[in-house]
Amino acid sequence: MQYIVMDLEWNNTYSRKKKGFFNEIIEIGAVRLDEQFNTVDTFSQVIKSQVGKKLRSSVKKLTNITNEDVRSGELFTKTFSEFRKWLGKEENTFFTWGDSDIRVLTDNFKYLNGINHIPFIDNYCDLQKCYQKISGTSPSSQTGLNAAAQELKISTDDYSLHRAPDDSFVTAQILAKIYNKAVFDLYTSKCDEEFYNKLFFKAKVISNIDNPIVDKTLFKHSCEKCGKKCKIKEDWKFHNQYFRALYYCDNCDILYKVGVKFKKYYDRIDIRKISSVYNPEEDRKENKKPEET
């Protein structure tokens, strides 16, 4: 097994073919590690732009890649043909910091090569998720690469962050420092059809109260002070991703604002229930139209 740490830079540009914006890859950097996390080899290439005519100013500022650089780069197909040869035939596991790179790479293969999968990746692991699991960081907040390096006391002084080769080196150091087989096994997937289906599944908040996914047993509320069952004061309404209703405890004379959200992911349903003492003034401000401010 070989471990491949990959990083990509891309330019968001308008595509006439897609009639919308497209993230075109302009640079790849990768580090090959053995099973003891020793660096075996590296790969890097600036990629010639085929979709966008010019780089966004924000991309040039962030990466220091110039329009001249991408004009003189290698074509996408040739670059990844060479990259595939560089990988060889040994089974691999790819690591990226967050799953944006693998999403963008798949999009580029589909757009430029007409295939909806990446032919040279056997297994994939999101190192950012592994780091956050090991460090106990909340899944709701994403830790950046530089922040993680600082927390792990990995110096980035000699690297140009936001350049694919250097970012891949820093990511490789993080991998070597935090590796935990149990956690990594949890977040490593075989890159089969199900993997790509899951990767591009668009999570959706359920807004139809009669959807079978909606568990109506959750549409109850007990007083948070006395524990007595509250009485619903209005029909449930969908607003700002939540089904919402008011509940009243006549024992404590408290009116509660209750919300339940159902979000469908590829392989799970995320359910969140919130409640607070109803404050008419706060509710009025929350629902105020922009022209009323």
C-alpha atoms as a PDB file:
ATOM      1  CA  MET A   1       0.000   0.000   0.000  1.00  0.00           C
ATOM      2  CA  GLN A   2       1.278   3.480  -0.860  1.00  0.00           C
ATOM      3  CA  TYR A   3      -0.094   6.673   0.633  1.00  0.00           C
ATOM      4  CA  ILE A   4      -0.570   9.646  -1.686  1.00  0.00           C
ATOM      5  CA  VAL A   5      -1.117  13.106  -0.236  1.00  0.00           C
ATOM      6  CA  MET A   6      -2.519  15.433  -2.902  1.00  0.00           C
ATOM      7  CA  ASP A   7      -3.316  19.120  -3.068  1.00  0.00           C
ATOM      8  CA  LEU A   8      -4.837  21.120  -5.924  1.00  0.00           C
ATOM      9  CA  GLU A   9      -5.209  24.774  -6.789  1.00  0.00           C
ATOM     10  CA  TRP A  10      -8.008  25.902  -9.064  1.00  0.00           C
ATOM     11  CA  ASN A  11      -9.516  28.934 -10.726  1.00  0.00           C
ATOM     12  CA  ASN A  12     -13.244  29.586 -10.656  1.00  0.00           C
ATOM     13  CA  THR A  13     -14.160  30.598 -14.199  1.00  0.00           C
ATOM     14  CA  TYR A  14     -17.217  30.857 -16.410  1.00  0.00           C
ATOM     15  CA  SER A  15     -17.825  27.926 -18.757  1.00  0.00           C
ATOM     16  CA  ARG A  16     -19.936  28.380 -21.860  1.00  0.00           C
ATOM     17  CA  LYS A  17     -20.255  24.612 -22.106  1.00  0.00           C
ATOM     18  CA  LYS A  18     -21.765  24.372 -18.617  1.00  0.00           C
ATOM     19  CA  LYS A  19     -23.484  27.764 -18.861  1.00  0.00           C
ATOM     20  CA  GLY A  20     -22.226  28.394 -15.384  1.00  0.00           C
ATOM     21  CA  PHE A  21     -19.097  28.633 -13.265  1.00  0.00           C
ATOM     22  CA  PHE A  22     -16.524  25.859 -13.120  1.00  0.00           C
ATOM     23  CA  ASN A  23     -13.482  25.217 -10.888  1.00  0.00           C
ATOM     24  CA  GLU A  24     -10.651  24.571 -13.336  1.00  0.00           C
ATOM     25  CA  ILE A  25      -7.524  22.954 -11.861  1.00  0.00           C
ATOM     26  CA  ILE A  26      -4.366  25.000 -12.442  1.00  0.00           C
ATOM     27  CA  GLU A  27      -1.851  23.138 -10.264  1.00  0.00           C
ATOM     28  CA  ILE A  28      -1.300  19.752  -8.648  1.00  0.00           C
ATOM     29  CA  GLY A  29       1.134  18.796  -5.914  1.00  0.00           C
ATOM     30  CA  ALA A  30       1.497  15.299  -4.459  1.00  0.00           C
ATOM     31  CA  VAL A  31       3.712  13.396  -2.046  1.00  0.00           C
ATOM     32  CA  ARG A  32       4.116   9.613  -2.091  1.00  0.00           C
ATOM     33  CA  LEU A  33       4.674   8.013   1.329  1.00  0.00           C
ATOM     34  CA  ASP A  34       5.466   4.445   2.277  1.00  0.00           C
ATOM     35  CA  GLU A  35       3.654   2.625   5.090  1.00  0.00           C
ATOM     36  CA  GLN A  36       6.052   4.146   7.637  1.00  0.00           C
ATOM     37  CA  PHE A  37       5.153   7.640   6.290  1.00  0.00           C
ATOM     38  CA  ASN A  38       8.568   8.236   4.790  1.00  0.00           C
ATOM     39  CA  THR A  39       8.566  10.428   1.682  1.00  0.00           C
ATOM     40  CA  VAL A  40       9.362   8.296  -1.353  1.00  0.00           C
ATOM     41  CA  ASP A  41       8.762  10.760  -4.195  1.00  0.00           C
ATOM     42  CA  THR A  42       6.984  13.953  -5.167  1.00  0.00           C
ATOM     43  CA  PHE A  43       5.001  15.226  -8.155  1.00  0.00           C
ATOM     44  CA  SER A  44       4.067  18.774  -9.151  1.00  0.00           C
ATOM     45  CA  GLN A  45       2.835  20.520 -12.256  1.00  0.00           C
ATOM     46  CA  VAL A  46       1.202  23.788 -13.242  1.00  0.00           C
ATOM     47  CA  ILE A  47      -1.692  23.014 -15.588  1.00  0.00           C
ATOM     48  CA  LYS A  48      -2.543  24.951 -18.711  1.00  0.00           C
ATOM     49  CA  SER A  49      -5.910  26.690 -18.584  1.00  0.00           C
ATOM     50  CA  GLN A  50      -8.363  25.413 -21.204  1.00  0.00           C
ATOM     51  CA  VAL A  51     -11.607  26.917 -19.917  1.00  0.00           C
ATOM     52  CA  GLY A  52     -10.762  30.239 -18.322  1.00  0.00           C
ATOM     53  CA  LYS A  53      -8.829  32.909 -20.218  1.00  0.00           C
ATOM     54  CA  LYS A  54      -7.578  34.695 -17.122  1.00  0.00           C
ATOM     55  CA  LEU A  55      -7.082  33.895 -13.457  1.00  0.00           C
ATOM     56  CA  ARG A  56      -9.229  35.668 -10.923  1.00  0.00           C
ATOM     57  CA  SER A  57      -7.322  38.378  -9.065  1.00  0.00           C
ATOM     58  CA  SER A  58      -8.079  36.609  -5.764  1.00  0.00           C
ATOM     59  CA  VAL A  59      -6.477  33.403  -7.104  1.00  0.00           C
ATOM     60  CA  LYS A  60      -3.372  35.249  -8.300  1.00  0.00           C
ATOM     61  CA  LYS A  61      -3.055  36.997  -4.943  1.00  0.00           C
ATOM     62  CA  LEU A  62      -3.585  33.826  -2.908  1.00  0.00           C
ATOM     63  CA  THR A  63      -1.333  31.489  -4.913  1.00  0.00           C
ATOM     64  CA  ASN A  64       1.113  33.812  -6.701  1.00  0.00           C
ATOM     65  CA  ILE A  65       0.387  31.812  -9.842  1.00  0.00           C
ATOM     66  CA  THR A  66       0.285  34.102 -12.886  1.00  0.00           C
ATOM     67  CA  ASN A  67      -1.596  34.018 -16.179  1.00  0.00           C
ATOM     68  CA  GLU A  68       1.764  33.409 -17.886  1.00  0.00           C
ATOM     69  CA  ASP A  69       2.325  30.374 -15.638  1.00  0.00           C
ATOM     70  CA  VAL A  70      -0.941  28.686 -16.645  1.00  0.00           C
ATOM     71  CA  ARG A  71      -0.516  29.577 -20.324  1.00  0.00           C
ATOM     72  CA  SER A  72       2.797  27.733 -20.359  1.00  0.00           C
ATOM     73  CA  GLY A  73       1.638  24.802 -18.225  1.00  0.00           C
ATOM     74  CA  GLU A  74       0.872  21.239 -19.353  1.00  0.00           C
ATOM     75  CA  LEU A  75      -2.586  20.269 -20.556  1.00  0.00           C
ATOM     76  CA  PHE A  76      -4.847  18.566 -18.000  1.00  0.00           C
ATOM     77  CA  THR A  77      -5.009  15.234 -19.828  1.00  0.00           C
ATOM     78  CA  LYS A  78      -1.248  15.010 -20.317  1.00  0.00           C
ATOM     79  CA  THR A  79      -0.567  16.043 -16.729  1.00  0.00           C
ATOM     80  CA  PHE A  80      -2.771  13.347 -15.263  1.00  0.00           C
ATOM     81  CA  SER A  81      -1.517  10.750 -17.706  1.00  0.00           C
ATOM     82  CA  GLU A  82       1.976  11.443 -16.362  1.00  0.00           C
ATOM     83  CA  PHE A  83       0.636  11.472 -12.812  1.00  0.00           C
ATOM     84  CA  ARG A  84      -0.929   8.050 -13.343  1.00  0.00           C
ATOM     85  CA  LYS A  85       2.399   6.681 -14.569  1.00  0.00           C
ATOM     86  CA  TRP A  86       4.100   8.238 -11.549  1.00  0.00           C
ATOM     87  CA  LEU A  87       1.673   6.417  -9.253  1.00  0.00           C
ATOM     88  CA  GLY A  88       2.419   3.002 -10.743  1.00  0.00           C
ATOM     89  CA  LYS A  89       0.249  -0.053 -10.197  1.00  0.00           C
ATOM     90  CA  GLU A  90       0.599  -0.538  -6.435  1.00  0.00           C
ATOM     91  CA  GLU A  91      -2.648  -0.036  -4.512  1.00  0.00           C
ATOM     92  CA  ASN A  92      -2.971   3.447  -3.083  1.00  0.00           C
ATOM     93  CA  THR A  93      -4.874   5.482  -0.537  1.00  0.00           C
ATOM     94  CA  PHE A  94      -5.253   9.175  -1.351  1.00  0.00           C
ATOM     95  CA  PHE A  95      -5.426  11.871   1.309  1.00  0.00           C
ATOM     96  CA  THR A  96      -6.565  15.460   0.867  1.00  0.00           C
ATOM     97  CA  TRP A  97      -7.295  18.193   3.399  1.00  0.00           C
ATOM     98  CA  GLY A  98     -11.086  18.332   3.120  1.00  0.00           C
ATOM     99  CA  ASP A  99     -12.957  16.730   0.240  1.00  0.00           C
ATOM    100  CA  SER A 100     -13.045  19.804  -2.035  1.00  0.00           C
ATOM    101  CA  ASP A 101     -10.001  18.661  -4.024  1.00  0.00           C
ATOM    102  CA  ILE A 102     -11.398  15.261  -4.888  1.00  0.00           C
ATOM    103  CA  ARG A 103     -14.740  16.817  -5.837  1.00  0.00           C
ATOM    104  CA  VAL A 104     -13.021  19.329  -8.114  1.00  0.00           C
ATOM    105  CA  LEU A 105     -10.769  16.661  -9.619  1.00  0.00           C
ATOM    106  CA  THR A 106     -13.791  14.475 -10.415  1.00  0.00           C
ATOM    107  CA  ASP A 107     -15.544  17.472 -11.994  1.00  0.00           C
ATOM    108  CA  ASN A 108     -12.484  18.191 -14.147  1.00  0.00           C
ATOM    109  CA  PHE A 109     -12.251  14.570 -15.307  1.00  0.00           C
ATOM    110  CA  LYS A 110     -15.913  14.675 -16.268  1.00  0.00           C
ATOM    111  CA  TYR A 111     -15.623  18.028 -18.037  1.00  0.00           C
ATOM    112  CA  LEU A 112     -12.304  17.506 -19.852  1.00  0.00           C
ATOM    113  CA  ASN A 113     -12.081  13.710 -20.240  1.00  0.00           C
ATOM    114  CA  GLY A 114     -15.745  12.703 -20.297  1.00  0.00           C
ATOM    115  CA  ILE A 115     -15.596  10.237 -17.380  1.00  0.00           C
ATOM    116  CA  ASN A 116     -17.350  10.605 -14.023  1.00  0.00           C
ATOM    117  CA  HIS A 117     -14.731   8.970 -11.827  1.00  0.00           C
ATOM    118  CA  ILE A 118     -10.994   9.223 -11.169  1.00  0.00           C
ATOM    119  CA  PRO A 119      -9.365   6.121 -12.684  1.00  0.00           C
ATOM    120  CA  PHE A 120      -6.198   6.023 -10.574  1.00  0.00           C
ATOM    121  CA  ILE A 121      -7.519   6.439  -6.997  1.00  0.00           C
ATOM    122  CA  ASP A 122      -8.148   3.129  -5.207  1.00  0.00           C
ATOM    123  CA  ASN A 123      -9.062   4.378  -1.732  1.00  0.00           C
ATOM    124  CA  TYR A 124      -9.730   7.824  -0.316  1.00  0.00           C
ATOM    125  CA  CYS A 125      -9.532   9.468   3.103  1.00  0.00           C
ATOM    126  CA  ASP A 126     -10.392  13.024   4.151  1.00  0.00           C
ATOM    127  CA  LEU A 127      -7.502  13.932   6.464  1.00  0.00           C
ATOM    128  CA  GLN A 128      -9.312  16.988   7.782  1.00  0.00           C
ATOM    129  CA  LYS A 129     -12.084  14.779   9.197  1.00  0.00           C
ATOM    130  CA  CYS A 130      -9.496  12.474  10.773  1.00  0.00           C
ATOM    131  CA  TYR A 131      -7.756  15.432  12.390  1.00  0.00           C
ATOM    132  CA  GLN A 132     -10.984  16.860  13.769  1.00  0.00           C
ATOM    133  CA  LYS A 133     -12.013  13.475  15.167  1.00  0.00           C
ATOM    134  CA  ILE A 134      -8.653  12.958  16.848  1.00  0.00           C
ATOM    135  CA  SER A 135      -8.401  16.539  18.157  1.00  0.00           C
ATOM    136  CA  GLY A 136     -12.024  16.598  19.335  1.00  0.00           C
ATOM    137  CA  THR A 137     -12.919  19.566  17.123  1.00  0.00           C
ATOM    138  CA  SER A 138     -16.623  20.037  16.449  1.00  0.00           C
ATOM    139  CA  PRO A 139     -17.688  18.787  12.987  1.00  0.00           C
ATOM    140  CA  SER A 140     -19.587  22.040  12.527  1.00  0.00           C
ATOM    141  CA  SER A 141     -16.333  24.026  12.310  1.00  0.00           C
ATOM    142  CA  GLN A 142     -13.634  23.155   9.803  1.00  0.00           C
ATOM    143  CA  THR A 143      -9.978  23.497  10.791  1.00  0.00           C
ATOM    144  CA  GLY A 144      -7.768  24.986   8.090  1.00  0.00           C
ATOM    145  CA  LEU A 145      -4.498  23.363   7.046  1.00  0.00           C
ATOM    146  CA  ASN A 146      -2.300  26.113   8.476  1.00  0.00           C
ATOM    147  CA  ALA A 147      -4.237  26.170  11.763  1.00  0.00           C
ATOM    148  CA  ALA A 148      -3.849  22.397  12.144  1.00  0.00           C
ATOM    149  CA  ALA A 149      -0.108  22.643  11.427  1.00  0.00           C
ATOM    150  CA  GLN A 150       0.267  25.328  14.092  1.00  0.00           C
ATOM    151  CA  GLU A 151      -1.672  23.282  16.631  1.00  0.00           C
ATOM    152  CA  LEU A 152       0.617  20.331  15.929  1.00  0.00           C
ATOM    153  CA  LYS A 153       3.712  22.569  16.103  1.00  0.00           C
ATOM    154  CA  ILE A 154       4.606  21.873  12.474  1.00  0.00           C
ATOM    155  CA  SER A 155       6.546  24.826  11.097  1.00  0.00           C
ATOM    156  CA  THR A 156       5.302  26.248   7.792  1.00  0.00           C
ATOM    157  CA  ASP A 157       7.977  28.978   7.571  1.00  0.00           C
ATOM    158  CA  ASP A 158       9.756  27.276   4.684  1.00  0.00           C
ATOM    159  CA  TYR A 159       6.584  26.665   2.670  1.00  0.00           C
ATOM    160  CA  SER A 160       4.477  28.812   0.375  1.00  0.00           C
ATOM    161  CA  LEU A 161       0.992  27.998   1.584  1.00  0.00           C
ATOM    162  CA  HIS A 162      -1.713  27.921  -1.074  1.00  0.00           C
ATOM    163  CA  ARG A 163       0.680  26.385  -3.563  1.00  0.00           C
ATOM    164  CA  ALA A 164      -0.163  22.754  -4.248  1.00  0.00           C
ATOM    165  CA  PRO A 165       3.349  21.233  -3.813  1.00  0.00           C
ATOM    166  CA  ASP A 166       3.985  22.968  -0.479  1.00  0.00           C
ATOM    167  CA  ASP A 167       0.480  22.338   0.855  1.00  0.00           C
ATOM    168  CA  SER A 168       0.879  18.643   0.038  1.00  0.00           C
ATOM    169  CA  PHE A 169       4.149  18.557   2.041  1.00  0.00           C
ATOM    170  CA  VAL A 170       2.487  20.149   5.071  1.00  0.00           C
ATOM    171  CA  THR A 171      -0.494  17.780   4.779  1.00  0.00           C
ATOM    172  CA  ALA A 172       1.889  14.808   4.625  1.00  0.00           C
ATOM    173  CA  GLN A 173       3.549  15.930   7.861  1.00  0.00           C
ATOM    174  CA  ILE A 174       0.172  16.182   9.568  1.00  0.00           C
ATOM    175  CA  LEU A 175      -0.711  12.681   8.347  1.00  0.00           C
ATOM    176  CA  ALA A 176       2.471  11.229   9.779  1.00  0.00           C
ATOM    177  CA  LYS A 177       1.968  13.004  13.096  1.00  0.00           C
ATOM    178  CA  ILE A 178      -1.660  12.095  13.797  1.00  0.00           C
ATOM    179  CA  TYR A 179      -2.048   8.648  12.201  1.00  0.00           C
ATOM    180  CA  ASN A 180      -4.419   6.466  14.180  1.00  0.00           C
ATOM    181  CA  LYS A 181      -5.453   3.269  12.407  1.00  0.00           C
ATOM    182  CA  ALA A 182      -8.903   2.997  13.998  1.00  0.00           C
ATOM    183  CA  VAL A 183      -9.832   6.575  13.104  1.00  0.00           C
ATOM    184  CA  PHE A 184      -8.329   6.389   9.627  1.00  0.00           C
ATOM    185  CA  ASP A 185     -10.138   3.145   8.871  1.00  0.00           C
ATOM    186  CA  LEU A 186     -13.366   4.873   9.874  1.00  0.00           C
ATOM    187  CA  TYR A 187     -12.873   7.636   7.305  1.00  0.00           C
ATOM    188  CA  THR A 188     -11.279   5.641   4.473  1.00  0.00           C
ATOM    189  CA  SER A 189     -13.511   4.515   1.604  1.00  0.00           C
ATOM    190  CA  LYS A 190     -12.990   2.323  -1.432  1.00  0.00           C
ATOM    191  CA  CYS A 191     -13.498   4.476  -4.520  1.00  0.00           C
ATOM    192  CA  ASP A 192     -16.319   2.483  -6.089  1.00  0.00           C
ATOM    193  CA  GLU A 193     -19.617   3.621  -7.597  1.00  0.00           C
ATOM    194  CA  GLU A 194     -21.201   4.078  -4.168  1.00  0.00           C
ATOM    195  CA  PHE A 195     -18.329   6.343  -3.123  1.00  0.00           C
ATOM    196  CA  TYR A 196     -18.959   8.737  -6.007  1.00  0.00           C
ATOM    197  CA  ASN A 197     -22.722   8.593  -5.503  1.00  0.00           C
ATOM    198  CA  LYS A 198     -22.237   9.564  -1.875  1.00  0.00           C
ATOM    199  CA  LEU A 199     -19.615  12.215  -2.679  1.00  0.00           C
ATOM    200  CA  PHE A 200     -21.958  14.109  -4.975  1.00  0.00           C
ATOM    201  CA  PHE A 201     -25.231  13.480  -3.187  1.00  0.00           C
ATOM    202  CA  LYS A 202     -26.768  16.841  -2.365  1.00  0.00           C
ATOM    203  CA  ALA A 203     -28.050  16.923   1.201  1.00  0.00           C
ATOM    204  CA  LYS A 204     -31.595  18.268   1.348  1.00  0.00           C
ATOM    205  CA  VAL A 205     -33.675  19.771   4.129  1.00  0.00           C
ATOM    206  CA  ILE A 206     -37.169  18.242   4.149  1.00  0.00           C
ATOM    207  CA  SER A 207     -39.886  20.897   3.838  1.00  0.00           C
ATOM    208  CA  ASN A 208     -42.946  18.675   3.257  1.00  0.00           C
ATOM    209  CA  ILE A 209     -44.415  17.666   6.596  1.00  0.00           C
ATOM    210  CA  ASP A 210     -46.068  14.606   5.011  1.00  0.00           C
ATOM    211  CA  ASN A 211     -42.740  13.210   3.767  1.00  0.00           C
ATOM    212  CA  PRO A 212     -42.255   9.659   5.189  1.00  0.00           C
ATOM    213  CA  ILE A 213     -38.874  10.791   6.529  1.00  0.00           C
ATOM    214  CA  VAL A 214     -40.579  13.186   8.942  1.00  0.00           C
ATOM    215  CA  ASP A 215     -40.983  11.521  12.345  1.00  0.00           C
ATOM    216  CA  LYS A 216     -44.098  13.176  13.747  1.00  0.00           C
ATOM    217  CA  THR A 217     -43.555  11.668  17.172  1.00  0.00           C
ATOM    218  CA  LEU A 218     -41.008  14.459  17.584  1.00  0.00           C
ATOM    219  CA  PHE A 219     -43.781  17.024  17.236  1.00  0.00           C
ATOM    220  CA  LYS A 220     -44.414  17.024  20.962  1.00  0.00           C
ATOM    221  CA  HIS A 221     -42.961  19.139  23.718  1.00  0.00           C
ATOM    222  CA  SER A 222     -42.728  18.950  27.490  1.00  0.00           C
ATOM    223  CA  CYS A 223     -42.177  21.915  29.754  1.00  0.00           C
ATOM    224  CA  GLU A 224     -38.505  22.388  30.487  1.00  0.00           C
ATOM    225  CA  LYS A 225     -39.381  23.649  33.977  1.00  0.00           C
ATOM    226  CA  CYS A 226     -41.975  21.215  35.338  1.00  0.00           C
ATOM    227  CA  GLY A 227     -41.825  18.384  32.792  1.00  0.00           C
ATOM    228  CA  LYS A 228     -45.546  18.506  32.078  1.00  0.00           C
ATOM    229  CA  LYS A 229     -46.748  17.891  28.523  1.00  0.00           C
ATOM    230  CA  CYS A 230     -47.328  21.202  26.714  1.00  0.00           C
ATOM    231  CA  LYS A 231     -50.274  22.042  24.499  1.00  0.00           C
ATOM    232  CA  ILE A 232     -49.698  23.068  20.895  1.00  0.00           C
ATOM    233  CA  LYS A 233     -51.011  26.561  20.175  1.00  0.00           C
ATOM    234  CA  GLU A 234     -50.787  26.637  16.366  1.00  0.00           C
ATOM    235  CA  ASP A 235     -50.265  24.342  13.393  1.00  0.00           C
ATOM    236  CA  TRP A 236     -46.722  23.453  12.404  1.00  0.00           C
ATOM    237  CA  LYS A 237     -45.228  25.740   9.740  1.00  0.00           C
ATOM    238  CA  PHE A 238     -41.988  25.399   7.766  1.00  0.00           C
ATOM    239  CA  HIS A 239     -39.648  28.395   8.094  1.00  0.00           C
ATOM    240  CA  ASN A 240     -35.863  28.784   7.785  1.00  0.00           C
ATOM    241  CA  GLN A 241     -35.245  25.020   7.416  1.00  0.00           C
ATOM    242  CA  TYR A 242     -37.294  24.092  10.498  1.00  0.00           C
ATOM    243  CA  PHE A 243     -40.853  22.990  11.136  1.00  0.00           C
ATOM    244  CA  ARG A 244     -41.957  25.432  13.832  1.00  0.00           C
ATOM    245  CA  ALA A 245     -44.826  25.717  16.305  1.00  0.00           C
ATOM    246  CA  LEU A 246     -45.684  27.289  19.665  1.00  0.00           C
ATOM    247  CA  TYR A 247     -46.335  25.157  22.764  1.00  0.00           C
ATOM    248  CA  TYR A 248     -47.851  26.337  26.030  1.00  0.00           C
ATOM    249  CA  CYS A 249     -47.414  25.008  29.562  1.00  0.00           C
ATOM    250  CA  ASP A 250     -50.462  26.100  31.548  1.00  0.00           C
ATOM    251  CA  ASN A 251     -48.869  24.850  34.757  1.00  0.00           C
ATOM    252  CA  CYS A 252     -45.936  27.288  34.502  1.00  0.00           C
ATOM    253  CA  ASP A 253     -47.561  29.831  32.185  1.00  0.00           C
ATOM    254  CA  ILE A 254     -44.664  29.526  29.700  1.00  0.00           C
ATOM    255  CA  LEU A 255     -44.921  29.698  25.919  1.00  0.00           C
ATOM    256  CA  TYR A 256     -42.244  27.811  24.012  1.00  0.00           C
ATOM    257  CA  LYS A 257     -41.059  28.250  20.443  1.00  0.00           C
ATOM    258  CA  VAL A 258     -40.189  24.770  19.137  1.00  0.00           C
ATOM    259  CA  GLY A 259     -38.443  23.812  15.909  1.00  0.00           C
ATOM    260  CA  VAL A 260     -37.551  20.459  14.313  1.00  0.00           C
ATOM    261  CA  LYS A 261     -35.296  20.063  11.264  1.00  0.00           C
ATOM    262  CA  PHE A 262     -34.933  16.936   9.091  1.00  0.00           C
ATOM    263  CA  LYS A 263     -31.977  16.846   6.690  1.00  0.00           C
ATOM    264  CA  LYS A 264     -31.487  13.920   4.313  1.00  0.00           C
ATOM    265  CA  TYR A 265     -27.938  12.813   3.577  1.00  0.00           C
ATOM    266  CA  TYR A 266     -26.904   9.927   1.324  1.00  0.00           C
ATOM    267  CA  ASP A 267     -26.815   7.369   4.128  1.00  0.00           C
ATOM    268  CA  ARG A 268     -28.453   9.054   7.102  1.00  0.00           C
ATOM    269  CA  ILE A 269     -31.061  11.501   8.352  1.00  0.00           C
ATOM    270  CA  ASP A 270     -29.887  14.361  10.543  1.00  0.00           C
ATOM    271  CA  ILE A 271     -32.593  15.456  13.002  1.00  0.00           C
ATOM    272  CA  ARG A 272     -32.291  18.556  15.164  1.00  0.00           C
ATOM    273  CA  LYS A 273     -34.813  19.847  17.668  1.00  0.00           C
ATOM    274  CA  ILE A 274     -34.564  23.261  19.255  1.00  0.00           C
ATOM    275  CA  SER A 275     -36.710  25.125  21.757  1.00  0.00           C
ATOM    276  CA  SER A 276     -36.718  28.427  23.602  1.00  0.00           C
ATOM    277  CA  VAL A 277     -39.082  30.549  25.643  1.00  0.00           C
ATOM    278  CA  TYR A 278     -41.124  32.549  23.167  1.00  0.00           C
ATOM    279  CA  ASN A 279     -40.289  36.244  23.011  1.00  0.00           C
ATOM    280  CA  PRO A 280     -42.642  38.145  20.656  1.00  0.00           C
ATOM    281  CA  GLU A 281     -40.196  41.037  20.211  1.00  0.00           C
ATOM    282  CA  GLU A 282     -37.293  38.778  19.206  1.00  0.00           C
ATOM    283  CA  ASP A 283     -39.588  36.846  16.877  1.00  0.00           C
ATOM    284  CA  ARG A 284     -40.715  40.076  15.234  1.00  0.00           C
ATOM    285  CA  LYS A 285     -37.103  41.150  14.616  1.00  0.00           C
ATOM    286  CA  GLU A 286     -36.200  37.714  13.228  1.00  0.00           C
ATOM    287  CA  ASN A 287     -39.023  37.813  10.695  1.00  0.00           C
ATOM    288  CA  LYS A 288     -38.793  41.516   9.846  1.00  0.00           C
ATOM    289  CA  LYS A 289     -38.545  42.263   6.126  1.00  0.00           C
ATOM    290  CA  PRO A 290     -35.425  44.155   4.923  1.00  0.00           C
ATOM    291  CA  GLU A 291     -37.422  47.257   3.983  1.00  0.00           C
ATOM    292  CA  GLU A 292     -38.728  47.467   7.561  1.00  0.00           C
ATOM    293  CA  THR A 293     -35.245  47.924   9.054  1.00  0.00           C
END
